[in-house]
Amino acid sequence: EGYFLILSSQNLLGPYRIEKDLYRPFGTSVGDFDLW
């Protein structure tokens, strides 16, 4: 069941921390994606 892992950082080159795990928008199984 595909899902998103979301991380954040103050710097582009890290370090990154996990903000949200096992995230499935609208209860769906997720696949390939893009952000804009």
PDB file of all heavy atoms in Angstrom:
ATOM      1  N   GLU A   1       0.878  -1.172   0.000  1.00  0.00           N
ATOM      2  CA  GLU A   1       0.000   0.000   0.000  1.00  0.00           C
ATOM      3  C   GLU A   1       0.912   1.217   0.000  1.00  0.00           C
ATOM      4  O   GLU A   1       1.519   1.547   1.012  1.00  0.00           O
ATOM      5  CB  GLU A   1      -0.914   0.001   1.231  1.00  0.00           C
ATOM      6  CG  GLU A   1      -2.000  -1.069   1.218  1.00  0.00           C
ATOM      7  CD  GLU A   1      -3.058  -0.791   0.161  1.00  0.00           C
ATOM      8  OE1 GLU A   1      -3.368   0.394  -0.068  1.00  0.00           O
ATOM      9  OE2 GLU A   1      -3.574  -1.754  -0.434  1.00  0.00           O
ATOM     10  N   GLY A   2       1.035   1.864  -1.155  1.00  0.00           N
ATOM     11  CA  GLY A   2       1.979   2.962  -1.292  1.00  0.00           C
ATOM     12  C   GLY A   2       1.641   4.141  -0.387  1.00  0.00           C
ATOM     13  O   GLY A   2       0.468   4.428  -0.133  1.00  0.00           O
ATOM     14  N   TYR A   3       2.681   4.845   0.087  1.00  0.00           N
ATOM     15  CA  TYR A   3       2.465   5.988   0.969  1.00  0.00           C
ATOM     16  C   TYR A   3       3.587   7.007   0.805  1.00  0.00           C
ATOM     17  O   TYR A   3       4.601   6.741   0.148  1.00  0.00           O
ATOM     18  CB  TYR A   3       2.352   5.542   2.429  1.00  0.00           C
ATOM     19  CG  TYR A   3       3.584   4.874   3.001  1.00  0.00           C
ATOM     20  CD1 TYR A   3       4.576   5.620   3.633  1.00  0.00           C
ATOM     21  CD2 TYR A   3       3.754   3.490   2.942  1.00  0.00           C
ATOM     22  CE1 TYR A   3       5.703   5.018   4.175  1.00  0.00           C
ATOM     23  CE2 TYR A   3       4.872   2.878   3.478  1.00  0.00           C
ATOM     24  CZ  TYR A   3       5.847   3.642   4.089  1.00  0.00           C
ATOM     25  OH  TYR A   3       6.961   3.041   4.622  1.00  0.00           O
ATOM     26  N   PHE A   4       3.396   8.167   1.412  1.00  0.00           N
ATOM     27  CA  PHE A   4       4.411   9.219   1.395  1.00  0.00           C
ATOM     28  C   PHE A   4       5.149   9.270   2.725  1.00  0.00           C
ATOM     29  O   PHE A   4       4.555   9.082   3.791  1.00  0.00           O
ATOM     30  CB  PHE A   4       3.778  10.590   1.144  1.00  0.00           C
ATOM     31  CG  PHE A   4       3.273  10.788  -0.256  1.00  0.00           C
ATOM     32  CD1 PHE A   4       1.934  11.078  -0.476  1.00  0.00           C
ATOM     33  CD2 PHE A   4       4.126  10.696  -1.347  1.00  0.00           C
ATOM     34  CE1 PHE A   4       1.461  11.276  -1.762  1.00  0.00           C
ATOM     35  CE2 PHE A   4       3.661  10.895  -2.638  1.00  0.00           C
ATOM     36  CZ  PHE A   4       2.319  11.189  -2.836  1.00  0.00           C
ATOM     37  N   LEU A   5       6.436   9.572   2.641  1.00  0.00           N
ATOM     38  CA  LEU A   5       7.257   9.937   3.789  1.00  0.00           C
ATOM     39  C   LEU A   5       7.666  11.392   3.561  1.00  0.00           C
ATOM     40  O   LEU A   5       8.173  11.738   2.489  1.00  0.00           O
ATOM     41  CB  LEU A   5       8.500   9.046   3.877  1.00  0.00           C
ATOM     42  CG  LEU A   5       9.530   9.408   4.951  1.00  0.00           C
ATOM     43  CD1 LEU A   5       8.958   9.163   6.342  1.00  0.00           C
ATOM     44  CD2 LEU A   5      10.822   8.611   4.748  1.00  0.00           C
ATOM     45  N   ILE A   6       7.436  12.244   4.551  1.00  0.00           N
ATOM     46  CA  ILE A   6       7.689  13.679   4.393  1.00  0.00           C
ATOM     47  C   ILE A   6       8.731  14.121   5.423  1.00  0.00           C
ATOM     48  O   ILE A   6       8.607  13.828   6.615  1.00  0.00           O
ATOM     49  CB  ILE A   6       6.389  14.481   4.559  1.00  0.00           C
ATOM     50  CG1 ILE A   6       5.326  13.965   3.576  1.00  0.00           C
ATOM     51  CG2 ILE A   6       6.637  15.973   4.326  1.00  0.00           C
ATOM     52  CD1 ILE A   6       3.938  14.496   3.830  1.00  0.00           C
ATOM     53  N   LEU A   7       9.777  14.811   4.942  1.00  0.00           N
ATOM     54  CA  LEU A   7      10.870  15.264   5.793  1.00  0.00           C
ATOM     55  C   LEU A   7      11.072  16.760   5.604  1.00  0.00           C
ATOM     56  O   LEU A   7      10.600  17.344   4.631  1.00  0.00           O
ATOM     57  CB  LEU A   7      12.165  14.527   5.456  1.00  0.00           C
ATOM     58  CG  LEU A   7      12.129  12.996   5.420  1.00  0.00           C
ATOM     59  CD1 LEU A   7      11.905  12.510   3.993  1.00  0.00           C
ATOM     60  CD2 LEU A   7      13.418  12.401   5.975  1.00  0.00           C
ATOM     61  N   SER A   8      11.807  17.369   6.533  1.00  0.00           N
ATOM     62  CA  SER A   8      12.107  18.798   6.392  1.00  0.00           C
ATOM     63  C   SER A   8      13.496  19.103   6.924  1.00  0.00           C
ATOM     64  O   SER A   8      14.059  18.345   7.718  1.00  0.00           O
ATOM     65  CB  SER A   8      11.056  19.649   7.118  1.00  0.00           C
ATOM     66  OG  SER A   8      11.316  19.679   8.519  1.00  0.00           O
ATOM     67  N   SER A   9      14.034  20.259   6.476  1.00  0.00           N
ATOM     68  CA  SER A   9      15.351  20.687   6.919  1.00  0.00           C
ATOM     69  C   SER A   9      15.456  22.204   6.789  1.00  0.00           C
ATOM     70  O   SER A   9      14.834  22.810   5.912  1.00  0.00           O
ATOM     71  CB  SER A   9      16.447  20.026   6.079  1.00  0.00           C
ATOM     72  OG  SER A   9      17.725  20.546   6.411  1.00  0.00           O
ATOM     73  N   GLN A  10      16.263  22.806   7.649  1.00  0.00           N
ATOM     74  CA  GLN A  10      16.542  24.243   7.513  1.00  0.00           C
ATOM     75  C   GLN A  10      17.513  24.513   6.375  1.00  0.00           C
ATOM     76  O   GLN A  10      17.579  25.626   5.865  1.00  0.00           O
ATOM     77  CB  GLN A  10      17.118  24.787   8.826  1.00  0.00           C
ATOM     78  CG  GLN A  10      16.109  24.908   9.951  1.00  0.00           C
ATOM     79  CD  GLN A  10      16.696  25.584  11.178  1.00  0.00           C
ATOM     80  OE1 GLN A  10      17.882  25.419  11.479  1.00  0.00           O
ATOM     81  NE2 GLN A  10      15.888  26.352  11.881  1.00  0.00           N
ATOM     82  N   ASN A  11      18.263  23.488   5.979  1.00  0.00           N
ATOM     83  CA  ASN A  11      19.253  23.620   4.915  1.00  0.00           C
ATOM     84  C   ASN A  11      18.980  22.599   3.821  1.00  0.00           C
ATOM     85  O   ASN A  11      18.608  21.450   4.119  1.00  0.00           O
ATOM     86  CB  ASN A  11      20.666  23.401   5.460  1.00  0.00           C
ATOM     87  CG  ASN A  11      21.002  24.351   6.593  1.00  0.00           C
ATOM     88  OD1 ASN A  11      21.037  25.557   6.406  1.00  0.00           O
ATOM     89  ND2 ASN A  11      21.224  23.796   7.789  1.00  0.00           N
ATOM     90  N   LEU A  12      19.181  22.985   2.578  1.00  0.00           N
ATOM     91  CA  LEU A  12      18.912  22.079   1.474  1.00  0.00           C
ATOM     92  C   LEU A  12      19.727  20.794   1.588  1.00  0.00           C
ATOM     93  O   LEU A  12      19.218  19.701   1.307  1.00  0.00           O
ATOM     94  CB  LEU A  12      19.226  22.783   0.142  1.00  0.00           C
ATOM     95  CG  LEU A  12      19.033  21.949  -1.128  1.00  0.00           C
ATOM     96  CD1 LEU A  12      17.604  21.440  -1.240  1.00  0.00           C
ATOM     97  CD2 LEU A  12      19.414  22.763  -2.355  1.00  0.00           C
ATOM     98  N   LEU A  13      20.978  20.920   2.036  1.00  0.00           N
ATOM     99  CA  LEU A  13      21.847  19.750   2.136  1.00  0.00           C
ATOM    100  C   LEU A  13      21.759  19.076   3.499  1.00  0.00           C
ATOM    101  O   LEU A  13      22.660  18.331   3.892  1.00  0.00           O
ATOM    102  CB  LEU A  13      23.290  20.144   1.820  1.00  0.00           C
ATOM    103  CG  LEU A  13      23.526  20.622   0.378  1.00  0.00           C
ATOM    104  CD1 LEU A  13      24.984  20.985   0.159  1.00  0.00           C
ATOM    105  CD2 LEU A  13      23.083  19.576  -0.632  1.00  0.00           C
ATOM    106  N   GLY A  14      20.666  19.335   4.224  1.00  0.00           N
ATOM    107  CA  GLY A  14      20.382  18.614   5.449  1.00  0.00           C
ATOM    108  C   GLY A  14      21.066  19.171   6.682  1.00  0.00           C
ATOM    109  O   GLY A  14      21.716  20.216   6.627  1.00  0.00           O
ATOM    110  N   PRO A  15      20.841  18.462   7.814  1.00  0.00           N
ATOM    111  CA  PRO A  15      20.144  17.183   7.947  1.00  0.00           C
ATOM    112  C   PRO A  15      18.621  17.323   7.882  1.00  0.00           C
ATOM    113  O   PRO A  15      18.071  18.369   8.242  1.00  0.00           O
ATOM    114  CB  PRO A  15      20.577  16.689   9.337  1.00  0.00           C
ATOM    115  CG  PRO A  15      20.823  17.961  10.106  1.00  0.00           C
ATOM    116  CD  PRO A  15      21.402  18.922   9.122  1.00  0.00           C
ATOM    117  N   TYR A  16      17.956  16.253   7.437  1.00  0.00           N
ATOM    118  CA  TYR A  16      16.500  16.216   7.338  1.00  0.00           C
ATOM    119  C   TYR A  16      15.911  15.391   8.477  1.00  0.00           C
ATOM    120  O   TYR A  16      16.495  14.376   8.879  1.00  0.00           O
ATOM    121  CB  TYR A  16      16.069  15.600   6.005  1.00  0.00           C
ATOM    122  CG  TYR A  16      16.194  16.557   4.841  1.00  0.00           C
ATOM    123  CD1 TYR A  16      17.433  16.783   4.228  1.00  0.00           C
ATOM    124  CD2 TYR A  16      15.083  17.246   4.356  1.00  0.00           C
ATOM    125  CE1 TYR A  16      17.559  17.665   3.169  1.00  0.00           C
ATOM    126  CE2 TYR A  16      15.202  18.132   3.283  1.00  0.00           C
ATOM    127  CZ  TYR A  16      16.440  18.337   2.704  1.00  0.00           C
ATOM    128  OH  TYR A  16      16.560  19.212   1.651  1.00  0.00           O
ATOM    129  N   ARG A  17      14.775  15.863   8.975  1.00  0.00           N
ATOM    130  CA  ARG A  17      14.064  15.106  10.010  1.00  0.00           C
ATOM    131  C   ARG A  17      12.715  14.654   9.453  1.00  0.00           C
ATOM    132  O   ARG A  17      12.123  15.324   8.604  1.00  0.00           O
ATOM    133  CB  ARG A  17      13.859  15.960  11.261  1.00  0.00           C
ATOM    134  CG  ARG A  17      12.826  17.059  11.089  1.00  0.00           C
ATOM    135  CD  ARG A  17      12.752  17.993  12.281  1.00  0.00           C
ATOM    136  NE  ARG A  17      11.655  18.954  12.154  1.00  0.00           N
ATOM    137  CZ  ARG A  17      11.615  20.127  12.770  1.00  0.00           C
ATOM    138  NH1 ARG A  17      12.632  20.486  13.560  1.00  0.00           N
ATOM    139  NH2 ARG A  17      10.577  20.942  12.616  1.00  0.00           N
ATOM    140  N   ILE A  18      12.234  13.528   9.933  1.00  0.00           N
ATOM    141  CA  ILE A  18      10.944  13.009   9.485  1.00  0.00           C
ATOM    142  C   ILE A  18       9.817  13.808  10.136  1.00  0.00           C
ATOM    143  O   ILE A  18       9.780  13.975  11.357  1.00  0.00           O
ATOM    144  CB  ILE A  18      10.812  11.510   9.819  1.00  0.00           C
ATOM    145  CG1 ILE A  18      11.810  10.703   8.979  1.00  0.00           C
ATOM    146  CG2 ILE A  18       9.385  11.024   9.553  1.00  0.00           C
ATOM    147  CD1 ILE A  18      11.832   9.214   9.308  1.00  0.00           C
ATOM    148  N   GLU A  19       8.902  14.313   9.311  1.00  0.00           N
ATOM    149  CA  GLU A  19       7.744  15.071   9.788  1.00  0.00           C
ATOM    150  C   GLU A  19       6.466  14.235   9.755  1.00  0.00           C
ATOM    151  O   GLU A  19       5.605  14.386  10.621  1.00  0.00           O
ATOM    152  CB  GLU A  19       7.551  16.324   8.939  1.00  0.00           C
ATOM    153  CG  GLU A  19       8.708  17.303   8.957  1.00  0.00           C
ATOM    154  CD  GLU A  19       8.775  18.092  10.258  1.00  0.00           C
ATOM    155  OE1 GLU A  19       7.893  17.920  11.118  1.00  0.00           O
ATOM    156  OE2 GLU A  19       9.730  18.890  10.413  1.00  0.00           O
ATOM    157  N   LYS A  20       6.343  13.388   8.752  1.00  0.00           N
ATOM    158  CA  LYS A  20       5.119  12.593   8.614  1.00  0.00           C
ATOM    159  C   LYS A  20       5.457  11.299   7.892  1.00  0.00           C
ATOM    160  O   LYS A  20       6.140  11.303   6.859  1.00  0.00           O
ATOM    161  CB  LYS A  20       4.066  13.387   7.838  1.00  0.00           C
ATOM    162  CG  LYS A  20       2.655  12.788   7.884  1.00  0.00           C
ATOM    163  CD  LYS A  20       1.650  13.679   7.143  1.00  0.00           C
ATOM    164  CE  LYS A  20       1.413  14.977   7.876  1.00  0.00           C
ATOM    165  NZ  LYS A  20       0.602  14.782   9.113  1.00  0.00           N
ATOM    166  N   ASP A  21       4.986  10.195   8.438  1.00  0.00           N
ATOM    167  CA  ASP A  21       5.259   8.872   7.877  1.00  0.00           C
ATOM    168  C   ASP A  21       3.933   8.186   7.560  1.00  0.00           C
ATOM    169  O   ASP A  21       2.884   8.533   8.118  1.00  0.00           O
ATOM    170  CB  ASP A  21       6.068   8.047   8.888  1.00  0.00           C
ATOM    171  CG  ASP A  21       6.853   6.915   8.239  1.00  0.00           C
ATOM    172  OD1 ASP A  21       6.648   6.646   7.034  1.00  0.00           O
ATOM    173  OD2 ASP A  21       7.672   6.282   8.934  1.00  0.00           O
ATOM    174  N   LEU A  22       3.986   7.216   6.632  1.00  0.00           N
ATOM    175  CA  LEU A  22       2.785   6.425   6.286  1.00  0.00           C
ATOM    176  C   LEU A  22       1.615   7.329   5.901  1.00  0.00           C
ATOM    177  O   LEU A  22       0.465   7.063   6.262  1.00  0.00           O
ATOM    178  CB  LEU A  22       2.393   5.510   7.451  1.00  0.00           C
ATOM    179  CG  LEU A  22       3.435   4.466   7.858  1.00  0.00           C
ATOM    180  CD1 LEU A  22       3.080   3.836   9.192  1.00  0.00           C
ATOM    181  CD2 LEU A  22       3.562   3.398   6.782  1.00  0.00           C
ATOM    182  N   TYR A  23       1.896   8.382   5.163  1.00  0.00           N
ATOM    183  CA  TYR A  23       0.855   9.352   4.821  1.00  0.00           C
ATOM    184  C   TYR A  23       0.202   8.981   3.492  1.00  0.00           C
ATOM    185  O   TYR A  23       0.879   8.873   2.460  1.00  0.00           O
ATOM    186  CB  TYR A  23       1.448  10.753   4.758  1.00  0.00           C
ATOM    187  CG  TYR A  23       0.428  11.826   4.441  1.00  0.00           C
ATOM    188  CD1 TYR A  23      -0.743  11.942   5.177  1.00  0.00           C
ATOM    189  CD2 TYR A  23       0.639  12.726   3.398  1.00  0.00           C
ATOM    190  CE1 TYR A  23      -1.682  12.925   4.892  1.00  0.00           C
ATOM    191  CE2 TYR A  23      -0.291  13.722   3.111  1.00  0.00           C
ATOM    192  CZ  TYR A  23      -1.447  13.807   3.858  1.00  0.00           C
ATOM    193  OH  TYR A  23      -2.377  14.782   3.568  1.00  0.00           O
ATOM    194  N   ARG A  24      -1.108   8.825   3.538  1.00  0.00           N
ATOM    195  CA  ARG A  24      -1.895   8.486   2.352  1.00  0.00           C
ATOM    196  C   ARG A  24      -3.021   9.507   2.204  1.00  0.00           C
ATOM    197  O   ARG A  24      -4.068   9.395   2.842  1.00  0.00           O
ATOM    198  CB  ARG A  24      -2.476   7.080   2.459  1.00  0.00           C
ATOM    199  CG  ARG A  24      -1.436   5.969   2.535  1.00  0.00           C
ATOM    200  CD  ARG A  24      -2.073   4.589   2.513  1.00  0.00           C
ATOM    201  NE  ARG A  24      -1.062   3.548   2.499  1.00  0.00           N
ATOM    202  CZ  ARG A  24      -0.603   2.921   3.587  1.00  0.00           C
ATOM    203  NH1 ARG A  24      -1.082   3.251   4.798  1.00  0.00           N
ATOM    204  NH2 ARG A  24       0.315   1.986   3.486  1.00  0.00           N
ATOM    205  N   PRO A  25      -2.824  10.541   1.371  1.00  0.00           N
ATOM    206  CA  PRO A  25      -3.873  11.556   1.197  1.00  0.00           C
ATOM    207  C   PRO A  25      -5.177  10.935   0.723  1.00  0.00           C
ATOM    208  O   PRO A  25      -5.174  10.066  -0.166  1.00  0.00           O
ATOM    209  CB  PRO A  25      -3.284  12.469   0.119  1.00  0.00           C
ATOM    210  CG  PRO A  25      -1.807  12.259   0.189  1.00  0.00           C
ATOM    211  CD  PRO A  25      -1.627  10.825   0.571  1.00  0.00           C
ATOM    212  N   PHE A  26      -6.273  11.359   1.333  1.00  0.00           N
ATOM    213  CA  PHE A  26      -7.622  10.912   0.971  1.00  0.00           C
ATOM    214  C   PHE A  26      -7.788   9.391   1.098  1.00  0.00           C
ATOM    215  O   PHE A  26      -8.663   8.800   0.461  1.00  0.00           O
ATOM    216  CB  PHE A  26      -7.963  11.368  -0.458  1.00  0.00           C
ATOM    217  CG  PHE A  26      -7.582  12.796  -0.736  1.00  0.00           C
ATOM    218  CD1 PHE A  26      -6.566  13.109  -1.630  1.00  0.00           C
ATOM    219  CD2 PHE A  26      -8.215  13.839  -0.072  1.00  0.00           C
ATOM    220  CE1 PHE A  26      -6.193  14.427  -1.866  1.00  0.00           C
ATOM    221  CE2 PHE A  26      -7.852  15.169  -0.312  1.00  0.00           C
ATOM    222  CZ  PHE A  26      -6.845  15.454  -1.207  1.00  0.00           C
ATOM    223  N   GLY A  27      -6.920   8.761   1.909  1.00  0.00           N
ATOM    224  CA  GLY A  27      -7.035   7.331   2.153  1.00  0.00           C
ATOM    225  C   GLY A  27      -6.624   6.456   0.990  1.00  0.00           C
ATOM    226  O   GLY A  27      -6.970   5.267   0.951  1.00  0.00           O
ATOM    227  N   THR A  28      -5.858   6.996   0.056  1.00  0.00           N
ATOM    228  CA  THR A  28      -5.487   6.242  -1.135  1.00  0.00           C
ATOM    229  C   THR A  28      -4.123   5.572  -0.981  1.00  0.00           C
ATOM    230  O   THR A  28      -3.321   5.945  -0.133  1.00  0.00           O
ATOM    231  CB  THR A  28      -5.417   7.173  -2.357  1.00  0.00           C
ATOM    232  OG1 THR A  28      -4.376   8.141  -2.129  1.00  0.00           O
ATOM    233  CG2 THR A  28      -6.729   7.891  -2.584  1.00  0.00           C
ATOM    234  N   SER A  29      -3.868   4.588  -1.835  1.00  0.00           N
ATOM    235  CA  SER A  29      -2.522   4.052  -2.010  1.00  0.00           C
ATOM    236  C   SER A  29      -1.849   4.927  -3.062  1.00  0.00           C
ATOM    237  O   SER A  29      -2.389   5.126  -4.145  1.00  0.00           O
ATOM    238  CB  SER A  29      -2.575   2.598  -2.490  1.00  0.00           C
ATOM    239  OG  SER A  29      -1.269   2.104  -2.736  1.00  0.00           O
ATOM    240  N   VAL A  30      -0.680   5.473  -2.746  1.00  0.00           N
ATOM    241  CA  VAL A  30      -0.094   6.480  -3.617  1.00  0.00           C
ATOM    242  C   VAL A  30       0.978   5.880  -4.524  1.00  0.00           C
ATOM    243  O   VAL A  30       1.585   4.850  -4.213  1.00  0.00           O
ATOM    244  CB  VAL A  30       0.503   7.643  -2.805  1.00  0.00           C
ATOM    245  CG1 VAL A  30      -0.511   8.153  -1.794  1.00  0.00           C
ATOM    246  CG2 VAL A  30       1.794   7.237  -2.102  1.00  0.00           C
ATOM    247  N   GLY A  31       1.197   6.565  -5.659  1.00  0.00           N
ATOM    248  CA  GLY A  31       2.229   6.165  -6.611  1.00  0.00           C
ATOM    249  C   GLY A  31       3.084   7.357  -6.993  1.00  0.00           C
ATOM    250  O   GLY A  31       3.249   8.297  -6.226  1.00  0.00           O
ATOM    251  N   ASP A  32       3.620   7.325  -8.214  1.00  0.00           N
ATOM    252  CA  ASP A  32       4.494   8.399  -8.688  1.00  0.00           C
ATOM    253  C   ASP A  32       3.821   9.760  -8.537  1.00  0.00           C
ATOM    254  O   ASP A  32       2.608   9.885  -8.729  1.00  0.00           O
ATOM    255  CB  ASP A  32       4.850   8.174 -10.158  1.00  0.00           C
ATOM    256  CG  ASP A  32       5.783   6.995 -10.350  1.00  0.00           C
ATOM    257  OD1 ASP A  32       6.307   6.478  -9.354  1.00  0.00           O
ATOM    258  OD2 ASP A  32       5.976   6.594 -11.514  1.00  0.00           O
ATOM    259  N   PHE A  33       4.634  10.785  -8.270  1.00  0.00           N
ATOM    260  CA  PHE A  33       4.053  12.093  -7.940  1.00  0.00           C
ATOM    261  C   PHE A  33       4.982  13.226  -8.345  1.00  0.00           C
ATOM    262  O   PHE A  33       6.144  13.011  -8.725  1.00  0.00           O
ATOM    263  CB  PHE A  33       3.781  12.170  -6.436  1.00  0.00           C
ATOM    264  CG  PHE A  33       5.021  12.389  -5.602  1.00  0.00           C
ATOM    265  CD1 PHE A  33       5.310  13.638  -5.063  1.00  0.00           C
ATOM    266  CD2 PHE A  33       5.907  11.343  -5.369  1.00  0.00           C
ATOM    267  CE1 PHE A  33       6.456  13.836  -4.303  1.00  0.00           C
ATOM    268  CE2 PHE A  33       7.060  11.539  -4.611  1.00  0.00           C
ATOM    269  CZ  PHE A  33       7.328  12.781  -4.068  1.00  0.00           C
ATOM    270  N   ASP A  34       4.480  14.435  -8.226  1.00  0.00           N
ATOM    271  CA  ASP A  34       5.290  15.648  -8.389  1.00  0.00           C
ATOM    272  C   ASP A  34       4.746  16.723  -7.467  1.00  0.00           C
ATOM    273  O   ASP A  34       3.556  16.714  -7.107  1.00  0.00           O
ATOM    274  CB  ASP A  34       5.263  16.133  -9.838  1.00  0.00           C
ATOM    275  CG  ASP A  34       6.418  17.092 -10.157  1.00  0.00           C
ATOM    276  OD1 ASP A  34       7.289  17.276  -9.286  1.00  0.00           O
ATOM    277  OD2 ASP A  34       6.439  17.648 -11.273  1.00  0.00           O
ATOM    278  N   LEU A  35       5.626  17.657  -7.083  1.00  0.00           N
ATOM    279  CA  LEU A  35       5.255  18.838  -6.316  1.00  0.00           C
ATOM    280  C   LEU A  35       5.508  20.071  -7.174  1.00  0.00           C
ATOM    281  O   LEU A  35       6.431  20.086  -7.994  1.00  0.00           O
ATOM    282  CB  LEU A  35       6.090  18.949  -5.034  1.00  0.00           C
ATOM    283  CG  LEU A  35       6.010  17.820  -4.005  1.00  0.00           C
ATOM    284  CD1 LEU A  35       6.983  18.103  -2.862  1.00  0.00           C
ATOM    285  CD2 LEU A  35       4.599  17.659  -3.472  1.00  0.00           C
ATOM    286  N   TRP A  36       4.698  21.114  -6.961  1.00  0.00           N
ATOM    287  CA  TRP A  36       4.916  22.374  -7.667  1.00  0.00           C
ATOM    288  C   TRP A  36       4.517  23.526  -6.758  1.00  0.00           C
ATOM    289  O   TRP A  36       3.624  23.392  -5.919  1.00  0.00           O
ATOM    290  CB  TRP A  36       4.090  22.422  -8.963  1.00  0.00           C
ATOM    291  CG  TRP A  36       4.215  23.724  -9.684  1.00  0.00           C
ATOM    292  CD1 TRP A  36       5.318  24.191 -10.342  1.00  0.00           C
ATOM    293  CD2 TRP A  36       3.219  24.743  -9.814  1.00  0.00           C
ATOM    294  NE1 TRP A  36       5.065  25.435 -10.880  1.00  0.00           N
ATOM    295  CE2 TRP A  36       3.781  25.803 -10.576  1.00  0.00           C
ATOM    296  CE3 TRP A  36       1.895  24.867  -9.365  1.00  0.00           C
ATOM    297  CZ2 TRP A  36       3.073  26.958 -10.888  1.00  0.00           C
ATOM    298  CZ3 TRP A  36       1.191  26.027  -9.674  1.00  0.00           C
ATOM    299  CH2 TRP A  36       1.773  27.048 -10.434  1.00  0.00           C
TER     300      TRP A  36
END
